[in-house]
Amino acid sequence: MDNKKKTYTLEIIGQNGSFKVEGLSMNGTNYVSETEVDTKNWPATFKFTAKDEEGNITEVIDHAKLVQQVSYEWDNNRFYLAFGEVSEQELLKERLAAAEEANTNAELALCELYEMMMQ
């Protein structure tokens, strides 16, 4: 019997690029890393794809988020990463926030243009 644990590669694709995390194992539904994964540049919502070491896609979430990354002392301080699906309500909230930001930017640009014209 082969006791070798499978390894997984995660691909995170968002508006600000793509990120790859390799060499993870699994424990339940969590991906496990020997070291902390740098997630600071990951977008809030992203496409998530997991592949096993043979290249088989094992999980896809079109609108995913990182739920948590936590280290457990009982497991030699390995880091557990949990991902979840972003709800339709959360997606709508993100779209509305982006639209509000775009409106604010347009309003600021119009104000600057008006001020330039008045000089």
PDB file of N, CA and C in Angstrom:
ATOM      1  N   MET A   1       0.838  -1.187   0.000  1.00  0.00           N
ATOM      2  CA  MET A   1       0.000   0.000   0.000  1.00  0.00           C
ATOM      3  C   MET A   1       0.883   1.251   0.000  1.00  0.00           C
ATOM      4  N   ASP A   2       0.538   2.224  -0.852  1.00  0.00           N
ATOM      5  CA  ASP A   2       1.317   3.451  -0.981  1.00  0.00           C
ATOM      6  C   ASP A   2       0.849   4.460   0.061  1.00  0.00           C
ATOM      7  N   ASN A   3       1.722   4.811   0.999  1.00  0.00           N
ATOM      8  CA  ASN A   3       1.369   5.765   2.053  1.00  0.00           C
ATOM      9  C   ASN A   3       1.769   7.192   1.706  1.00  0.00           C
ATOM     10  N   LYS A   4       2.278   7.417   0.490  1.00  0.00           N
ATOM     11  CA  LYS A   4       2.699   8.750   0.079  1.00  0.00           C
ATOM     12  C   LYS A   4       1.467   9.659  -0.002  1.00  0.00           C
ATOM     13  N   LYS A   5       1.563  10.831   0.655  1.00  0.00           N
ATOM     14  CA  LYS A   5       0.464  11.791   0.608  1.00  0.00           C
ATOM     15  C   LYS A   5       0.498  12.539  -0.709  1.00  0.00           C
ATOM     16  N   LYS A   6      -0.677  12.802  -1.248  1.00  0.00           N
ATOM     17  CA  LYS A   6      -0.764  13.611  -2.462  1.00  0.00           C
ATOM     18  C   LYS A   6      -0.379  15.040  -2.147  1.00  0.00           C
ATOM     19  N   THR A   7       0.185  15.699  -3.141  1.00  0.00           N
ATOM     20  CA  THR A   7       0.452  17.129  -3.002  1.00  0.00           C
ATOM     21  C   THR A   7      -0.431  17.883  -3.989  1.00  0.00           C
ATOM     22  N   TYR A   8      -0.700  19.137  -3.649  1.00  0.00           N
ATOM     23  CA  TYR A   8      -1.624  19.962  -4.427  1.00  0.00           C
ATOM     24  C   TYR A   8      -0.986  21.300  -4.762  1.00  0.00           C
ATOM     25  N   THR A   9      -1.426  21.849  -5.888  1.00  0.00           N
ATOM     26  CA  THR A   9      -1.049  23.183  -6.309  1.00  0.00           C
ATOM     27  C   THR A   9      -2.319  24.008  -6.405  1.00  0.00           C
ATOM     28  N   LEU A  10      -2.287  25.190  -5.821  1.00  0.00           N
ATOM     29  CA  LEU A  10      -3.431  26.092  -5.872  1.00  0.00           C
ATOM     30  C   LEU A  10      -3.107  27.229  -6.827  1.00  0.00           C
ATOM     31  N   GLU A  11      -4.114  27.615  -7.616  1.00  0.00           N
ATOM     32  CA  GLU A  11      -3.965  28.779  -8.476  1.00  0.00           C
ATOM     33  C   GLU A  11      -5.049  29.769  -8.104  1.00  0.00           C
ATOM     34  N   ILE A  12      -4.622  30.981  -7.798  1.00  0.00           N
ATOM     35  CA  ILE A  12      -5.499  32.078  -7.416  1.00  0.00           C
ATOM     36  C   ILE A  12      -5.443  33.091  -8.557  1.00  0.00           C
ATOM     37  N   ILE A  13      -6.579  33.367  -9.190  1.00  0.00           N
ATOM     38  CA  ILE A  13      -6.607  34.312 -10.298  1.00  0.00           C
ATOM     39  C   ILE A  13      -7.593  35.420  -9.968  1.00  0.00           C
ATOM     40  N   GLY A  14      -7.092  36.649  -9.954  1.00  0.00           N
ATOM     41  CA  GLY A  14      -7.926  37.801  -9.652  1.00  0.00           C
ATOM     42  C   GLY A  14      -7.584  38.967 -10.547  1.00  0.00           C
ATOM     43  N   GLN A  15      -8.186  40.105 -10.265  1.00  0.00           N
ATOM     44  CA  GLN A  15      -7.980  41.298 -11.079  1.00  0.00           C
ATOM     45  C   GLN A  15      -6.525  41.766 -11.066  1.00  0.00           C
ATOM     46  N   ASN A  16      -5.821  41.495  -9.993  1.00  0.00           N
ATOM     47  CA  ASN A  16      -4.438  41.981  -9.891  1.00  0.00           C
ATOM     48  C   ASN A  16      -3.405  40.904 -10.209  1.00  0.00           C
ATOM     49  N   GLY A  17      -3.799  39.894 -10.971  1.00  0.00           N
ATOM     50  CA  GLY A  17      -2.846  38.883 -11.389  1.00  0.00           C
ATOM     51  C   GLY A  17      -3.191  37.497 -10.890  1.00  0.00           C
ATOM     52  N   SER A  18      -2.223  36.602 -11.065  1.00  0.00           N
ATOM     53  CA  SER A  18      -2.427  35.234 -10.599  1.00  0.00           C
ATOM     54  C   SER A  18      -1.307  34.846  -9.641  1.00  0.00           C
ATOM     55  N   PHE A  19      -1.652  33.942  -8.763  1.00  0.00           N
ATOM     56  CA  PHE A  19      -0.729  33.491  -7.717  1.00  0.00           C
ATOM     57  C   PHE A  19      -0.792  31.970  -7.668  1.00  0.00           C
ATOM     58  N   LYS A  20       0.352  31.347  -7.445  1.00  0.00           N
ATOM     59  CA  LYS A  20       0.415  29.893  -7.389  1.00  0.00           C
ATOM     60  C   LYS A  20       1.050  29.478  -6.076  1.00  0.00           C
ATOM     61  N   VAL A  21       0.461  28.474  -5.441  1.00  0.00           N
ATOM     62  CA  VAL A  21       0.997  27.906  -4.206  1.00  0.00           C
ATOM     63  C   VAL A  21       1.168  26.410  -4.452  1.00  0.00           C
ATOM     64  N   GLU A  22       2.390  25.922  -4.296  1.00  0.00           N
ATOM     65  CA  GLU A  22       2.684  24.532  -4.625  1.00  0.00           C
ATOM     66  C   GLU A  22       3.094  23.735  -3.398  1.00  0.00           C
ATOM     67  N   GLY A  23       2.986  22.414  -3.526  1.00  0.00           N
ATOM     68  CA  GLY A  23       3.499  21.508  -2.508  1.00  0.00           C
ATOM     69  C   GLY A  23       2.653  21.397  -1.255  1.00  0.00           C
ATOM     70  N   LEU A  24       1.353  21.622  -1.378  1.00  0.00           N
ATOM     71  CA  LEU A  24       0.469  21.529  -0.219  1.00  0.00           C
ATOM     72  C   LEU A  24      -0.075  20.119  -0.064  1.00  0.00           C
ATOM     73  N   SER A  25      -0.396  19.769   1.164  1.00  0.00           N
ATOM     74  CA  SER A  25      -1.102  18.520   1.420  1.00  0.00           C
ATOM     75  C   SER A  25      -2.522  18.890   1.833  1.00  0.00           C
ATOM     76  N   MET A  26      -3.315  17.907   2.158  1.00  0.00           N
ATOM     77  CA  MET A  26      -4.682  18.178   2.604  1.00  0.00           C
ATOM     78  C   MET A  26      -4.940  17.498   3.935  1.00  0.00           C
ATOM     79  N   ASN A  27      -5.781  18.161   4.719  1.00  0.00           N
ATOM     80  CA  ASN A  27      -6.288  17.592   5.960  1.00  0.00           C
ATOM     81  C   ASN A  27      -7.756  17.975   6.000  1.00  0.00           C
ATOM     82  N   GLY A  28      -8.626  17.034   5.744  1.00  0.00           N
ATOM     83  CA  GLY A  28     -10.054  17.346   5.636  1.00  0.00           C
ATOM     84  C   GLY A  28     -10.288  18.186   4.402  1.00  0.00           C
ATOM     85  N   THR A  29     -10.843  19.375   4.584  1.00  0.00           N
ATOM     86  CA  THR A  29     -11.071  20.285   3.461  1.00  0.00           C
ATOM     87  C   THR A  29     -10.073  21.435   3.454  1.00  0.00           C
ATOM     88  N   ASN A  30      -9.066  21.353   4.306  1.00  0.00           N
ATOM     89  CA  ASN A  30      -8.041  22.400   4.390  1.00  0.00           C
ATOM     90  C   ASN A  30      -6.795  21.988   3.624  1.00  0.00           C
ATOM     91  N   TYR A  31      -6.193  22.968   2.958  1.00  0.00           N
ATOM     92  CA  TYR A  31      -4.895  22.766   2.332  1.00  0.00           C
ATOM     93  C   TYR A  31      -3.847  23.114   3.378  1.00  0.00           C
ATOM     94  N   VAL A  32      -2.801  22.302   3.457  1.00  0.00           N
ATOM     95  CA  VAL A  32      -1.819  22.432   4.534  1.00  0.00           C
ATOM     96  C   VAL A  32      -0.444  22.736   3.950  1.00  0.00           C
ATOM     97  N   SER A  33       0.183  23.777   4.513  1.00  0.00           N
ATOM     98  CA  SER A  33       1.505  24.209   4.091  1.00  0.00           C
ATOM     99  C   SER A  33       2.472  24.103   5.256  1.00  0.00           C
ATOM    100  N   GLU A  34       3.703  23.759   4.939  1.00  0.00           N
ATOM    101  CA  GLU A  34       4.744  23.694   5.971  1.00  0.00           C
ATOM    102  C   GLU A  34       5.117  25.088   6.467  1.00  0.00           C
ATOM    103  N   THR A  35       4.914  26.098   5.620  1.00  0.00           N
ATOM    104  CA  THR A  35       5.248  27.481   5.968  1.00  0.00           C
ATOM    105  C   THR A  35       4.043  28.376   5.688  1.00  0.00           C
ATOM    106  N   GLU A  36       4.072  29.563   6.253  1.00  0.00           N
ATOM    107  CA  GLU A  36       2.979  30.510   6.031  1.00  0.00           C
ATOM    108  C   GLU A  36       2.960  30.942   4.562  1.00  0.00           C
ATOM    109  N   VAL A  37       1.763  30.987   3.994  1.00  0.00           N
ATOM    110  CA  VAL A  37       1.589  31.393   2.602  1.00  0.00           C
ATOM    111  C   VAL A  37       1.364  32.903   2.566  1.00  0.00           C
ATOM    112  N   ASP A  38       2.110  33.596   1.723  1.00  0.00           N
ATOM    113  CA  ASP A  38       1.968  35.045   1.587  1.00  0.00           C
ATOM    114  C   ASP A  38       0.697  35.335   0.790  1.00  0.00           C
ATOM    115  N   THR A  39      -0.321  35.827   1.470  1.00  0.00           N
ATOM    116  CA  THR A  39      -1.617  36.097   0.843  1.00  0.00           C
ATOM    117  C   THR A  39      -1.921  37.589   0.763  1.00  0.00           C
ATOM    118  N   LYS A  40      -0.976  38.438   1.151  1.00  0.00           N
ATOM    119  CA  LYS A  40      -1.273  39.871   1.279  1.00  0.00           C
ATOM    120  C   LYS A  40      -1.669  40.532  -0.040  1.00  0.00           C
ATOM    121  N   ASN A  41      -1.215  40.013  -1.173  1.00  0.00           N
ATOM    122  CA  ASN A  41      -1.560  40.605  -2.466  1.00  0.00           C
ATOM    123  C   ASN A  41      -2.725  39.915  -3.161  1.00  0.00           C
ATOM    124  N   TRP A  42      -3.292  38.909  -2.514  1.00  0.00           N
ATOM    125  CA  TRP A  42      -4.441  38.235  -3.108  1.00  0.00           C
ATOM    126  C   TRP A  42      -5.646  39.158  -3.085  1.00  0.00           C
ATOM    127  N   PRO A  43      -6.453  39.126  -4.142  1.00  0.00           N
ATOM    128  CA  PRO A  43      -7.684  39.923  -4.129  1.00  0.00           C
ATOM    129  C   PRO A  43      -8.692  39.330  -3.152  1.00  0.00           C
ATOM    130  N   ALA A  44      -9.685  40.140  -2.790  1.00  0.00           N
ATOM    131  CA  ALA A  44     -10.715  39.670  -1.858  1.00  0.00           C
ATOM    132  C   ALA A  44     -11.513  38.522  -2.475  1.00  0.00           C
ATOM    133  N   THR A  45     -11.775  38.615  -3.773  1.00  0.00           N
ATOM    134  CA  THR A  45     -12.515  37.582  -4.496  1.00  0.00           C
ATOM    135  C   THR A  45     -11.670  37.136  -5.682  1.00  0.00           C
ATOM    136  N   PHE A  46     -11.617  35.827  -5.914  1.00  0.00           N
ATOM    137  CA  PHE A  46     -10.763  35.299  -6.974  1.00  0.00           C
ATOM    138  C   PHE A  46     -11.289  33.962  -7.465  1.00  0.00           C
ATOM    139  N   LYS A  47     -10.775  33.539  -8.633  1.00  0.00           N
ATOM    140  CA  LYS A  47     -11.062  32.189  -9.110  1.00  0.00           C
ATOM    141  C   LYS A  47     -10.032  31.272  -8.470  1.00  0.00           C
ATOM    142  N   PHE A  48     -10.498  30.181  -7.917  1.00  0.00           N
ATOM    143  CA  PHE A  48      -9.660  29.249  -7.180  1.00  0.00           C
ATOM    144  C   PHE A  48      -9.671  27.913  -7.898  1.00  0.00           C
ATOM    145  N   THR A  49      -8.482  27.404  -8.211  1.00  0.00           N
ATOM    146  CA  THR A  49      -8.369  26.081  -8.830  1.00  0.00           C
ATOM    147  C   THR A  49      -7.310  25.291  -8.074  1.00  0.00           C
ATOM    148  N   ALA A  50      -7.644  24.060  -7.728  1.00  0.00           N
ATOM    149  CA  ALA A  50      -6.687  23.161  -7.071  1.00  0.00           C
ATOM    150  C   ALA A  50      -6.444  21.973  -7.992  1.00  0.00           C
ATOM    151  N   LYS A  51      -5.161  21.604  -8.106  1.00  0.00           N
ATOM    152  CA  LYS A  51      -4.787  20.443  -8.909  1.00  0.00           C
ATOM    153  C   LYS A  51      -3.925  19.526  -8.063  1.00  0.00           C
ATOM    154  N   ASP A  52      -4.082  18.215  -8.295  1.00  0.00           N
ATOM    155  CA  ASP A  52      -3.211  17.275  -7.597  1.00  0.00           C
ATOM    156  C   ASP A  52      -1.897  17.167  -8.361  1.00  0.00           C
ATOM    157  N   GLU A  53      -0.978  16.379  -7.830  1.00  0.00           N
ATOM    158  CA  GLU A  53       0.363  16.276  -8.398  1.00  0.00           C
ATOM    159  C   GLU A  53       0.379  15.693  -9.805  1.00  0.00           C
ATOM    160  N   GLU A  54      -0.704  15.049 -10.192  1.00  0.00           N
ATOM    161  CA  GLU A  54      -0.804  14.478 -11.537  1.00  0.00           C
ATOM    162  C   GLU A  54      -1.451  15.452 -12.521  1.00  0.00           C
ATOM    163  N   GLY A  55      -1.813  16.639 -12.033  1.00  0.00           N
ATOM    164  CA  GLY A  55      -2.420  17.643 -12.893  1.00  0.00           C
ATOM    165  C   GLY A  55      -3.932  17.572 -12.980  1.00  0.00           C
ATOM    166  N   ASN A  56      -4.529  16.673 -12.214  1.00  0.00           N
ATOM    167  CA  ASN A  56      -5.987  16.555 -12.205  1.00  0.00           C
ATOM    168  C   ASN A  56      -6.598  17.695 -11.395  1.00  0.00           C
ATOM    169  N   ILE A  57      -7.587  18.349 -11.953  1.00  0.00           N
ATOM    170  CA  ILE A  57      -8.284  19.407 -11.219  1.00  0.00           C
ATOM    171  C   ILE A  57      -9.156  18.742 -10.168  1.00  0.00           C
ATOM    172  N   THR A  58      -8.941  19.119  -8.920  1.00  0.00           N
ATOM    173  CA  THR A  58      -9.681  18.511  -7.815  1.00  0.00           C
ATOM    174  C   THR A  58     -10.734  19.441  -7.224  1.00  0.00           C
ATOM    175  N   GLU A  59     -10.592  20.749  -7.495  1.00  0.00           N
ATOM    176  CA  GLU A  59     -11.557  21.709  -6.948  1.00  0.00           C
ATOM    177  C   GLU A  59     -11.476  23.005  -7.746  1.00  0.00           C
ATOM    178  N   VAL A  60     -12.652  23.581  -8.036  1.00  0.00           N
ATOM    179  CA  VAL A  60     -12.733  24.878  -8.706  1.00  0.00           C
ATOM    180  C   VAL A  60     -13.834  25.682  -8.024  1.00  0.00           C
ATOM    181  N   ILE A  61     -13.519  26.925  -7.680  1.00  0.00           N
ATOM    182  CA  ILE A  61     -14.518  27.857  -7.159  1.00  0.00           C
ATOM    183  C   ILE A  61     -14.371  29.133  -7.977  1.00  0.00           C
ATOM    184  N   ASP A  62     -15.403  29.494  -8.735  1.00  0.00           N
ATOM    185  CA  ASP A  62     -15.323  30.666  -9.609  1.00  0.00           C
ATOM    186  C   ASP A  62     -15.203  31.969  -8.837  1.00  0.00           C
ATOM    187  N   HIS A  63     -15.890  32.073  -7.727  1.00  0.00           N
ATOM    188  CA  HIS A  63     -15.844  33.277  -6.889  1.00  0.00           C
ATOM    189  C   HIS A  63     -15.503  32.831  -5.469  1.00  0.00           C
ATOM    190  N   ALA A  64     -14.199  32.791  -5.187  1.00  0.00           N
ATOM    191  CA  ALA A  64     -13.723  32.265  -3.910  1.00  0.00           C
ATOM    192  C   ALA A  64     -13.133  33.374  -3.052  1.00  0.00           C
ATOM    193  N   LYS A  65     -12.962  33.036  -1.782  1.00  0.00           N
ATOM    194  CA  LYS A  65     -12.270  33.916  -0.842  1.00  0.00           C
ATOM    195  C   LYS A  65     -11.478  33.038   0.117  1.00  0.00           C
ATOM    196  N   LEU A  66     -10.414  33.610   0.667  1.00  0.00           N
ATOM    197  CA  LEU A  66      -9.662  32.928   1.710  1.00  0.00           C
ATOM    198  C   LEU A  66     -10.421  33.126   3.008  1.00  0.00           C
ATOM    199  N   VAL A  67     -10.865  32.059   3.602  1.00  0.00           N
ATOM    200  CA  VAL A  67     -11.609  32.142   4.856  1.00  0.00           C
ATOM    201  C   VAL A  67     -10.648  32.326   6.023  1.00  0.00           C
ATOM    202  N   GLN A  68      -9.572  31.548   6.019  1.00  0.00           N
ATOM    203  CA  GLN A  68      -8.577  31.688   7.083  1.00  0.00           C
ATOM    204  C   GLN A  68      -7.298  30.960   6.726  1.00  0.00           C
ATOM    205  N   GLN A  69      -6.230  31.411   7.341  1.00  0.00           N
ATOM    206  CA  GLN A  69      -4.952  30.710   7.340  1.00  0.00           C
ATOM    207  C   GLN A  69      -4.499  30.701   8.795  1.00  0.00           C
ATOM    208  N   VAL A  70      -4.383  29.521   9.345  1.00  0.00           N
ATOM    209  CA  VAL A  70      -4.061  29.420  10.760  1.00  0.00           C
ATOM    210  C   VAL A  70      -3.031  28.311  10.975  1.00  0.00           C
ATOM    211  N   SER A  71      -2.148  28.554  11.929  1.00  0.00           N
ATOM    212  CA  SER A  71      -1.113  27.586  12.263  1.00  0.00           C
ATOM    213  C   SER A  71      -1.528  26.835  13.528  1.00  0.00           C
ATOM    214  N   TYR A  72      -1.333  25.517  13.504  1.00  0.00           N
ATOM    215  CA  TYR A  72      -1.694  24.698  14.660  1.00  0.00           C
ATOM    216  C   TYR A  72      -0.454  24.070  15.282  1.00  0.00           C
ATOM    217  N   GLU A  73      -0.265  24.338  16.565  1.00  0.00           N
ATOM    218  CA  GLU A  73       0.869  23.792  17.306  1.00  0.00           C
ATOM    219  C   GLU A  73       0.817  22.267  17.339  1.00  0.00           C
ATOM    220  N   TRP A  74      -0.402  21.717  17.461  1.00  0.00           N
ATOM    221  CA  TRP A  74      -0.556  20.267  17.544  1.00  0.00           C
ATOM    222  C   TRP A  74      -0.129  19.564  16.254  1.00  0.00           C
ATOM    223  N   ASP A  75       0.000  20.331  15.139  1.00  0.00           N
ATOM    224  CA  ASP A  75       0.416  19.753  13.870  1.00  0.00           C
ATOM    225  C   ASP A  75       1.744  20.366  13.411  1.00  0.00           C
ATOM    226  N   ASN A  76       2.686  20.446  14.340  1.00  0.00           N
ATOM    227  CA  ASN A  76       4.036  20.955  14.052  1.00  0.00           C
ATOM    228  C   ASN A  76       4.024  22.345  13.430  1.00  0.00           C
ATOM    229  N   ASN A  77       3.071  23.175  13.861  1.00  0.00           N
ATOM    230  CA  ASN A  77       2.945  24.566  13.400  1.00  0.00           C
ATOM    231  C   ASN A  77       2.752  24.697  11.891  1.00  0.00           C
ATOM    232  N   ARG A  78       2.141  23.692  11.289  1.00  0.00           N
ATOM    233  CA  ARG A  78       1.799  23.795   9.867  1.00  0.00           C
ATOM    234  C   ARG A  78       0.648  24.784   9.722  1.00  0.00           C
ATOM    235  N   PHE A  79       0.550  25.351   8.519  1.00  0.00           N
ATOM    236  CA  PHE A  79      -0.483  26.351   8.240  1.00  0.00           C
ATOM    237  C   PHE A  79      -1.622  25.729   7.446  1.00  0.00           C
ATOM    238  N   TYR A  80      -2.828  25.911   7.946  1.00  0.00           N
ATOM    239  CA  TYR A  80      -4.035  25.389   7.320  1.00  0.00           C
ATOM    240  C   TYR A  80      -4.754  26.535   6.610  1.00  0.00           C
ATOM    241  N   LEU A  81      -5.042  26.333   5.331  1.00  0.00           N
ATOM    242  CA  LEU A  81      -5.749  27.330   4.537  1.00  0.00           C
ATOM    243  C   LEU A  81      -7.138  26.805   4.198  1.00  0.00           C
ATOM    244  N   ALA A  82      -8.130  27.627   4.482  1.00  0.00           N
ATOM    245  CA  ALA A  82      -9.518  27.274   4.175  1.00  0.00           C
ATOM    246  C   ALA A  82     -10.076  28.298   3.197  1.00  0.00           C
ATOM    247  N   PHE A  83     -10.768  27.807   2.186  1.00  0.00           N
ATOM    248  CA  PHE A  83     -11.366  28.659   1.166  1.00  0.00           C
ATOM    249  C   PHE A  83     -12.872  28.446   1.158  1.00  0.00           C
ATOM    250  N   GLY A  84     -13.585  29.477   0.745  1.00  0.00           N
ATOM    251  CA  GLY A  84     -15.032  29.377   0.663  1.00  0.00           C
ATOM    252  C   GLY A  84     -15.547  30.113  -0.551  1.00  0.00           C
ATOM    253  N   GLU A  85     -16.789  29.847  -0.875  1.00  0.00           N
ATOM    254  CA  GLU A  85     -17.436  30.500  -2.006  1.00  0.00           C
ATOM    255  C   GLU A  85     -17.989  31.854  -1.573  1.00  0.00           C
ATOM    256  N   VAL A  86     -17.827  32.850  -2.419  1.00  0.00           N
ATOM    257  CA  VAL A  86     -18.362  34.185  -2.161  1.00  0.00           C
ATOM    258  C   VAL A  86     -19.839  34.167  -2.569  1.00  0.00           C
ATOM    259  N   SER A  87     -20.705  34.644  -1.687  1.00  0.00           N
ATOM    260  CA  SER A  87     -22.142  34.621  -1.971  1.00  0.00           C
ATOM    261  C   SER A  87     -22.513  35.674  -3.012  1.00  0.00           C
ATOM    262  N   GLU A  88     -23.656  35.517  -3.623  1.00  0.00           N
ATOM    263  CA  GLU A  88     -24.156  36.497  -4.590  1.00  0.00           C
ATOM    264  C   GLU A  88     -24.295  37.871  -3.931  1.00  0.00           C
ATOM    265  N   GLN A  89     -24.726  37.888  -2.681  1.00  0.00           N
ATOM    266  CA  GLN A  89     -24.877  39.155  -1.950  1.00  0.00           C
ATOM    267  C   GLN A  89     -23.515  39.844  -1.779  1.00  0.00           C
ATOM    268  N   GLU A  90     -22.476  39.073  -1.445  1.00  0.00           N
ATOM    269  CA  GLU A  90     -21.134  39.642  -1.301  1.00  0.00           C
ATOM    270  C   GLU A  90     -20.611  40.174  -2.636  1.00  0.00           C
ATOM    271  N   LEU A  91     -20.881  39.432  -3.728  1.00  0.00           N
ATOM    272  CA  LEU A  91     -20.459  39.881  -5.057  1.00  0.00           C
ATOM    273  C   LEU A  91     -21.142  41.189  -5.430  1.00  0.00           C
ATOM    274  N   LEU A  92     -22.440  41.286  -5.140  1.00  0.00           N
ATOM    275  CA  LEU A  92     -23.180  42.508  -5.436  1.00  0.00           C
ATOM    276  C   LEU A  92     -22.617  43.680  -4.633  1.00  0.00           C
ATOM    277  N   LYS A  93     -22.319  43.433  -3.375  1.00  0.00           N
ATOM    278  CA  LYS A  93     -21.745  44.474  -2.515  1.00  0.00           C
ATOM    279  C   LYS A  93     -20.404  44.964  -3.081  1.00  0.00           C
ATOM    280  N   GLU A  94     -19.572  44.043  -3.553  1.00  0.00           N
ATOM    281  CA  GLU A  94     -18.282  44.418  -4.161  1.00  0.00           C
ATOM    282  C   GLU A  94     -18.492  45.257  -5.419  1.00  0.00           C
ATOM    283  N   ARG A  95     -19.467  44.847  -6.257  1.00  0.00           N
ATOM    284  CA  ARG A  95     -19.740  45.598  -7.491  1.00  0.00           C
ATOM    285  C   ARG A  95     -20.233  47.002  -7.176  1.00  0.00           C
ATOM    286  N   LEU A  96     -21.093  47.112  -6.178  1.00  0.00           N
ATOM    287  CA  LEU A  96     -21.609  48.427  -5.796  1.00  0.00           C
ATOM    288  C   LEU A  96     -20.485  49.320  -5.260  1.00  0.00           C
ATOM    289  N   ALA A  97     -19.603  48.766  -4.463  1.00  0.00           N
ATOM    290  CA  ALA A  97     -18.478  49.540  -3.927  1.00  0.00           C
ATOM    291  C   ALA A  97     -17.573  50.010  -5.063  1.00  0.00           C
ATOM    292  N   ALA A  98     -17.338  49.146  -6.048  1.00  0.00           N
ATOM    293  CA  ALA A  98     -16.500  49.525  -7.192  1.00  0.00           C
ATOM    294  C   ALA A  98     -17.177  50.628  -8.010  1.00  0.00           C
ATOM    295  N   ALA A  99     -18.493  50.522  -8.177  1.00  0.00           N
ATOM    296  CA  ALA A  99     -19.233  51.543  -8.924  1.00  0.00           C
ATOM    297  C   ALA A  99     -19.202  52.877  -8.185  1.00  0.00           C
ATOM    298  N   GLU A 100     -19.356  52.842  -6.864  1.00  0.00           N
ATOM    299  CA  GLU A 100     -19.294  54.073  -6.069  1.00  0.00           C
ATOM    300  C   GLU A 100     -17.913  54.713  -6.182  1.00  0.00           C
ATOM    301  N   GLU A 101     -16.877  53.894  -6.148  1.00  0.00           N
ATOM    302  CA  GLU A 101     -15.511  54.425  -6.276  1.00  0.00           C
ATOM    303  C   GLU A 101     -15.315  55.048  -7.654  1.00  0.00           C
ATOM    304  N   ALA A 102     -15.831  54.393  -8.699  1.00  0.00           N
ATOM    305  CA  ALA A 102     -15.716  54.937 -10.052  1.00  0.00           C
ATOM    306  C   ALA A 102     -16.457  56.265 -10.160  1.00  0.00           C
ATOM    307  N   ASN A 103     -17.644  56.347  -9.546  1.00  0.00           N
ATOM    308  CA  ASN A 103     -18.402  57.599  -9.554  1.00  0.00           C
ATOM    309  C   ASN A 103     -17.653  58.702  -8.822  1.00  0.00           C
ATOM    310  N   THR A 104     -17.094  58.376  -7.685  1.00  0.00           N
ATOM    311  CA  THR A 104     -16.331  59.361  -6.909  1.00  0.00           C
ATOM    312  C   THR A 104     -15.137  59.858  -7.719  1.00  0.00           C
ATOM    313  N   ASN A 105     -14.429  58.947  -8.376  1.00  0.00           N
ATOM    314  CA  ASN A 105     -13.287  59.337  -9.198  1.00  0.00           C
ATOM    315  C   ASN A 105     -13.724  60.234 -10.351  1.00  0.00           C
ATOM    316  N   ALA A 106     -14.860  59.911 -10.977  1.00  0.00           N
ATOM    317  CA  ALA A 106     -15.367  60.737 -12.082  1.00  0.00           C
ATOM    318  C   ALA A 106     -15.765  62.116 -11.575  1.00  0.00           C
ATOM    319  N   GLU A 107     -16.403  62.163 -10.403  1.00  0.00           N
ATOM    320  CA  GLU A 107     -16.797  63.453  -9.825  1.00  0.00           C
ATOM    321  C   GLU A 107     -15.578  64.308  -9.517  1.00  0.00           C
ATOM    322  N   LEU A 108     -14.545  63.697  -8.964  1.00  0.00           N
ATOM    323  CA  LEU A 108     -13.309  64.432  -8.667  1.00  0.00           C
ATOM    324  C   LEU A 108     -12.665  64.964  -9.942  1.00  0.00           C
ATOM    325  N   ALA A 109     -12.653  64.157 -10.984  1.00  0.00           N
ATOM    326  CA  ALA A 109     -12.066  64.587 -12.249  1.00  0.00           C
ATOM    327  C   ALA A 109     -12.853  65.759 -12.831  1.00  0.00           C
ATOM    328  N   LEU A 110     -14.177  65.700 -12.741  1.00  0.00           N
ATOM    329  CA  LEU A 110     -14.998  66.807 -13.239  1.00  0.00           C
ATOM    330  C   LEU A 110     -14.757  68.084 -12.441  1.00  0.00           C
ATOM    331  N   CYS A 111     -14.619  67.953 -11.132  1.00  0.00           N
ATOM    332  CA  CYS A 111     -14.341  69.118 -10.287  1.00  0.00           C
ATOM    333  C   CYS A 111     -12.995  69.741 -10.655  1.00  0.00           C
ATOM    334  N   GLU A 112     -11.979  68.903 -10.857  1.00  0.00           N
ATOM    335  CA  GLU A 112     -10.665  69.405 -11.244  1.00  0.00           C
ATOM    336  C   GLU A 112     -10.720  70.096 -12.600  1.00  0.00           C
ATOM    337  N   LEU A 113     -11.459  69.521 -13.536  1.00  0.00           N
ATOM    338  CA  LEU A 113     -11.610  70.114 -14.859  1.00  0.00           C
ATOM    339  C   LEU A 113     -12.307  71.468 -14.758  1.00  0.00           C
ATOM    340  N   TYR A 114     -13.358  71.539 -13.964  1.00  0.00           N
ATOM    341  CA  TYR A 114     -14.098  72.779 -13.774  1.00  0.00           C
ATOM    342  C   TYR A 114     -13.190  73.860 -13.165  1.00  0.00           C
ATOM    343  N   GLU A 115     -12.402  73.471 -12.155  1.00  0.00           N
ATOM    344  CA  GLU A 115     -11.490  74.423 -11.532  1.00  0.00           C
ATOM    345  C   GLU A 115     -10.444  74.940 -12.519  1.00  0.00           C
ATOM    346  N   MET A 116      -9.960  74.050 -13.390  1.00  0.00           N
ATOM    347  CA  MET A 116      -8.996  74.466 -14.402  1.00  0.00           C
ATOM    348  C   MET A 116      -9.626  75.443 -15.397  1.00  0.00           C
ATOM    349  N   MET A 117     -10.865  75.211 -15.737  1.00  0.00           N
ATOM    350  CA  MET A 117     -11.567  76.080 -16.685  1.00  0.00           C
ATOM    351  C   MET A 117     -11.847  77.464 -16.083  1.00  0.00           C
ATOM    352  N   MET A 118     -12.025  77.501 -14.784  1.00  0.00           N
ATOM    353  CA  MET A 118     -12.357  78.760 -14.106  1.00  0.00           C
ATOM    354  C   MET A 118     -11.127  79.632 -13.843  1.00  0.00           C
ATOM    355  N   GLN A 119      -9.957  79.101 -14.021  1.00  0.00           N
ATOM    356  CA  GLN A 119      -8.729  79.879 -13.755  1.00  0.00           C
ATOM    357  C   GLN A 119      -8.394  80.792 -14.901  1.00  0.00           C
TER     358      GLN A 119
END
